[in-house]
């Protein structure tokens, strides 16, 4: 298999069985893999049943496209968060019932550590109310605040804060 072929493959992980299947890039974005993994629609009532399913992709741009399509089949309205990163504005779209993952350690005693997965229960401008799906705190309801990020070594004579 050539390098170009490897780059055009996304991986599909199903439940905890570690079944790894490879699909061509074109198959991923015609929504057939999304429907095979999550069904035609996702309701908040069945979100826990499908919470152990995931689609893994090698590139962030592919992940963003898949996330948008998956959120489209989730019942409910979007809540958009605007994020300013070094003079660029990014949008984070979320819905109540969506599954999210924490990417940094907040408080390991409360189960808020890197890799912890949650179901969103409520969305507010600066806080997310969520139920923990993984780790020892499974089932606990937590509040995840909006965090200001400040890199420690930027080489600039001023402090950059990203919100």
Protein backbone atom coordinates (compact mmCIF):
# COMPACT_ATOMS: atom_id res chain seq x y z
CA UNK A 1 0.00 0.00 0.00
CA UNK A 2 1.45 3.37 -1.03
CA UNK A 3 1.70 6.51 1.11
CA UNK A 4 -1.08 8.23 -0.85
CA UNK A 5 -3.39 5.28 -0.19
CA UNK A 6 -2.64 5.31 3.55
CA UNK A 7 -3.43 9.03 3.77
CA UNK A 8 -6.81 8.51 2.12
CA UNK A 9 -7.96 5.97 4.71
CA UNK A 10 -9.98 6.68 7.84
CA UNK A 11 -10.35 4.13 10.59
CA UNK A 12 -13.51 2.87 12.21
CA UNK A 13 -13.52 1.70 15.83
CA UNK A 14 -16.63 -0.10 17.04
CA UNK A 15 -17.44 -0.55 20.73
CA UNK A 16 -14.70 -2.00 22.94
CA UNK A 17 -13.90 -4.93 20.63
CA UNK A 18 -11.03 -3.14 18.82
CA UNK A 19 -12.25 -4.10 15.37
CA UNK A 20 -10.29 -1.94 12.97
CA UNK A 21 -11.65 -1.56 9.45
CA UNK A 22 -10.22 0.66 6.73
CA UNK A 23 -12.43 2.68 4.40
CA UNK A 24 -11.63 4.83 1.37
CA UNK A 25 -11.85 8.59 1.97
CA UNK A 26 -14.83 8.96 -0.40
CA UNK A 27 -16.93 6.51 1.62
CA UNK A 28 -16.50 8.54 4.80
CA UNK A 29 -18.02 11.74 3.49
CA UNK A 30 -21.04 10.29 1.71
CA UNK A 31 -22.45 9.65 5.20
CA UNK A 32 -22.71 5.86 4.85
CA UNK A 33 -20.20 5.19 7.64
CA UNK A 34 -21.98 7.68 9.91
CA UNK A 35 -25.33 5.95 9.35
CA UNK A 36 -23.74 2.52 9.85
CA UNK A 37 -22.20 3.66 13.14
CA UNK A 38 -24.91 5.89 14.63
CA UNK A 39 -28.07 5.27 12.58
CA UNK A 40 -30.22 7.76 10.65
CA UNK A 41 -30.87 9.96 13.68
CA UNK A 42 -29.64 10.22 17.24
CA UNK A 43 -32.02 11.10 20.05
CA UNK A 44 -30.98 12.10 23.54
CA UNK A 45 -32.75 8.98 24.85
CA UNK A 46 -30.38 6.57 23.05
CA UNK A 47 -27.14 8.54 23.35
CA UNK A 48 -25.73 6.30 26.11
CA UNK A 49 -26.26 3.22 23.92
CA UNK A 50 -24.06 4.63 21.17
CA UNK A 51 -21.56 6.46 23.39
CA UNK A 52 -18.96 3.69 23.07
CA UNK A 53 -18.85 3.99 19.28
CA UNK A 54 -16.34 6.22 17.51
CA UNK A 55 -14.97 7.00 14.08
CA UNK A 56 -11.23 7.77 14.06
CA UNK A 57 -9.66 9.95 11.37
CA UNK A 58 -6.02 10.82 10.70
CA UNK A 59 -6.57 14.54 10.04
CA UNK A 60 -8.34 17.27 12.04
CA UNK A 61 -10.07 18.60 8.92
CA UNK A 62 -11.74 15.20 8.44
CA UNK A 63 -12.76 15.10 12.10
CA UNK A 64 -14.42 18.52 11.81
CA UNK A 65 -16.43 17.45 8.75
CA UNK A 66 -17.56 14.24 10.44
CA UNK A 67 -18.47 16.03 13.67
CA UNK A 68 -20.68 18.48 11.76
CA UNK A 69 -22.48 15.67 9.95
CA UNK A 70 -22.95 13.69 13.17
CA UNK A 71 -24.30 16.76 14.99
CA UNK A 72 -26.72 17.26 12.11
CA UNK A 73 -28.39 13.91 12.84
CA UNK A 74 -28.52 14.60 16.60
CA UNK A 75 -31.89 16.01 17.67
CA UNK A 76 -31.84 19.56 19.02
CA UNK A 77 -30.56 23.04 18.28
CA UNK A 78 -26.95 24.15 17.83
CA UNK A 79 -25.19 26.41 20.31
CA UNK A 80 -22.21 28.17 18.73
CA UNK A 81 -19.19 29.30 20.73
CA UNK A 82 -16.85 31.83 19.12
CA UNK A 83 -13.18 31.39 19.90
CA UNK A 84 -10.50 33.95 19.06
CA UNK A 85 -7.12 32.34 18.41
CA UNK A 86 -4.33 34.75 17.42
CA UNK A 87 -6.50 37.05 15.32
CA UNK A 88 -8.49 34.17 13.84
CA UNK A 89 -12.09 33.51 14.84
CA UNK A 90 -13.14 29.85 15.12
CA UNK A 91 -16.60 28.42 15.74
CA UNK A 92 -17.34 25.50 18.01
CA UNK A 93 -20.82 24.09 17.41
CA UNK A 94 -22.35 21.88 20.08
CA UNK A 95 -25.76 20.41 20.93
CA UNK A 96 -27.32 19.07 24.09
CA UNK A 97 -26.80 15.30 23.96
CA UNK A 98 -23.51 15.48 22.05
CA UNK A 99 -20.56 13.45 23.31
CA UNK A 100 -17.45 15.50 24.03
CA UNK A 101 -13.94 14.73 25.30
CA UNK A 102 -11.82 16.76 27.67
CA UNK A 103 -8.39 17.54 26.19
CA UNK A 104 -6.63 18.76 29.33
CA UNK A 105 -6.56 17.98 33.02
CA UNK A 106 -8.90 20.18 35.06
CA UNK A 107 -9.37 18.27 38.32
CA UNK A 108 -8.41 14.59 38.48
CA UNK A 109 -10.10 14.11 41.89
CA UNK A 110 -13.45 14.89 40.27
CA UNK A 111 -12.72 12.80 37.17
CA UNK A 112 -11.99 15.84 35.00
CA UNK A 113 -8.81 14.65 33.30
CA UNK A 114 -7.50 14.39 29.76
CA UNK A 115 -9.51 11.85 27.72
CA UNK A 116 -12.63 11.89 29.92
CA UNK A 117 -15.79 11.68 27.81
CA UNK A 118 -19.06 13.44 28.62
CA UNK A 119 -22.64 13.81 27.41
CA UNK A 120 -23.67 17.45 27.24
CA UNK A 121 -26.72 18.10 29.44
CA UNK A 122 -26.94 21.90 29.19
CA UNK A 123 -25.12 24.67 27.32
CA UNK A 124 -24.53 28.18 28.63
CA UNK A 125 -22.32 31.01 27.30
CA UNK A 126 -19.39 30.29 29.66
CA UNK A 127 -20.13 26.85 31.10
CA UNK A 128 -21.16 23.35 29.98
CA UNK A 129 -23.14 21.04 32.26
CA UNK A 130 -22.25 17.44 31.42
CA UNK A 131 -22.50 13.85 32.63
CA UNK A 132 -19.26 11.86 32.87
CA UNK A 133 -19.25 8.70 30.71
CA UNK A 134 -15.83 7.28 31.60
CA UNK A 135 -13.49 6.73 34.54
CA UNK A 136 -14.37 6.22 38.20
CA UNK A 137 -16.74 9.20 38.25
CA UNK A 138 -19.08 7.72 35.62
CA UNK A 139 -22.61 9.11 35.94
CA UNK A 140 -21.56 12.22 37.88
CA UNK A 141 -22.83 15.61 36.70
CA UNK A 142 -20.12 18.28 36.41
CA UNK A 143 -19.78 21.88 35.26
CA UNK A 144 -17.00 22.60 32.75
CA UNK A 145 -16.08 26.30 32.67
CA UNK A 146 -14.73 28.27 29.75
CA UNK A 147 -10.95 28.41 30.21
CA UNK A 148 -8.52 31.16 29.29
CA UNK A 149 -5.41 29.67 27.70
CA UNK A 150 -2.09 31.39 28.10
CA UNK A 151 1.02 29.81 26.54
CA UNK A 152 4.02 29.88 28.89
CA UNK A 153 6.77 30.59 26.35
CA UNK A 154 5.74 32.69 23.36
CA UNK A 155 8.89 34.73 22.87
CA UNK A 156 6.82 37.92 23.03
CA UNK A 157 7.25 40.71 25.61
CA UNK A 158 3.52 40.44 26.37
CA UNK A 159 1.20 37.71 27.61
CA UNK A 160 -1.19 36.15 25.08
CA UNK A 161 -4.53 35.02 26.46
CA UNK A 162 -6.84 32.94 24.29
CA UNK A 163 -10.45 32.66 25.29
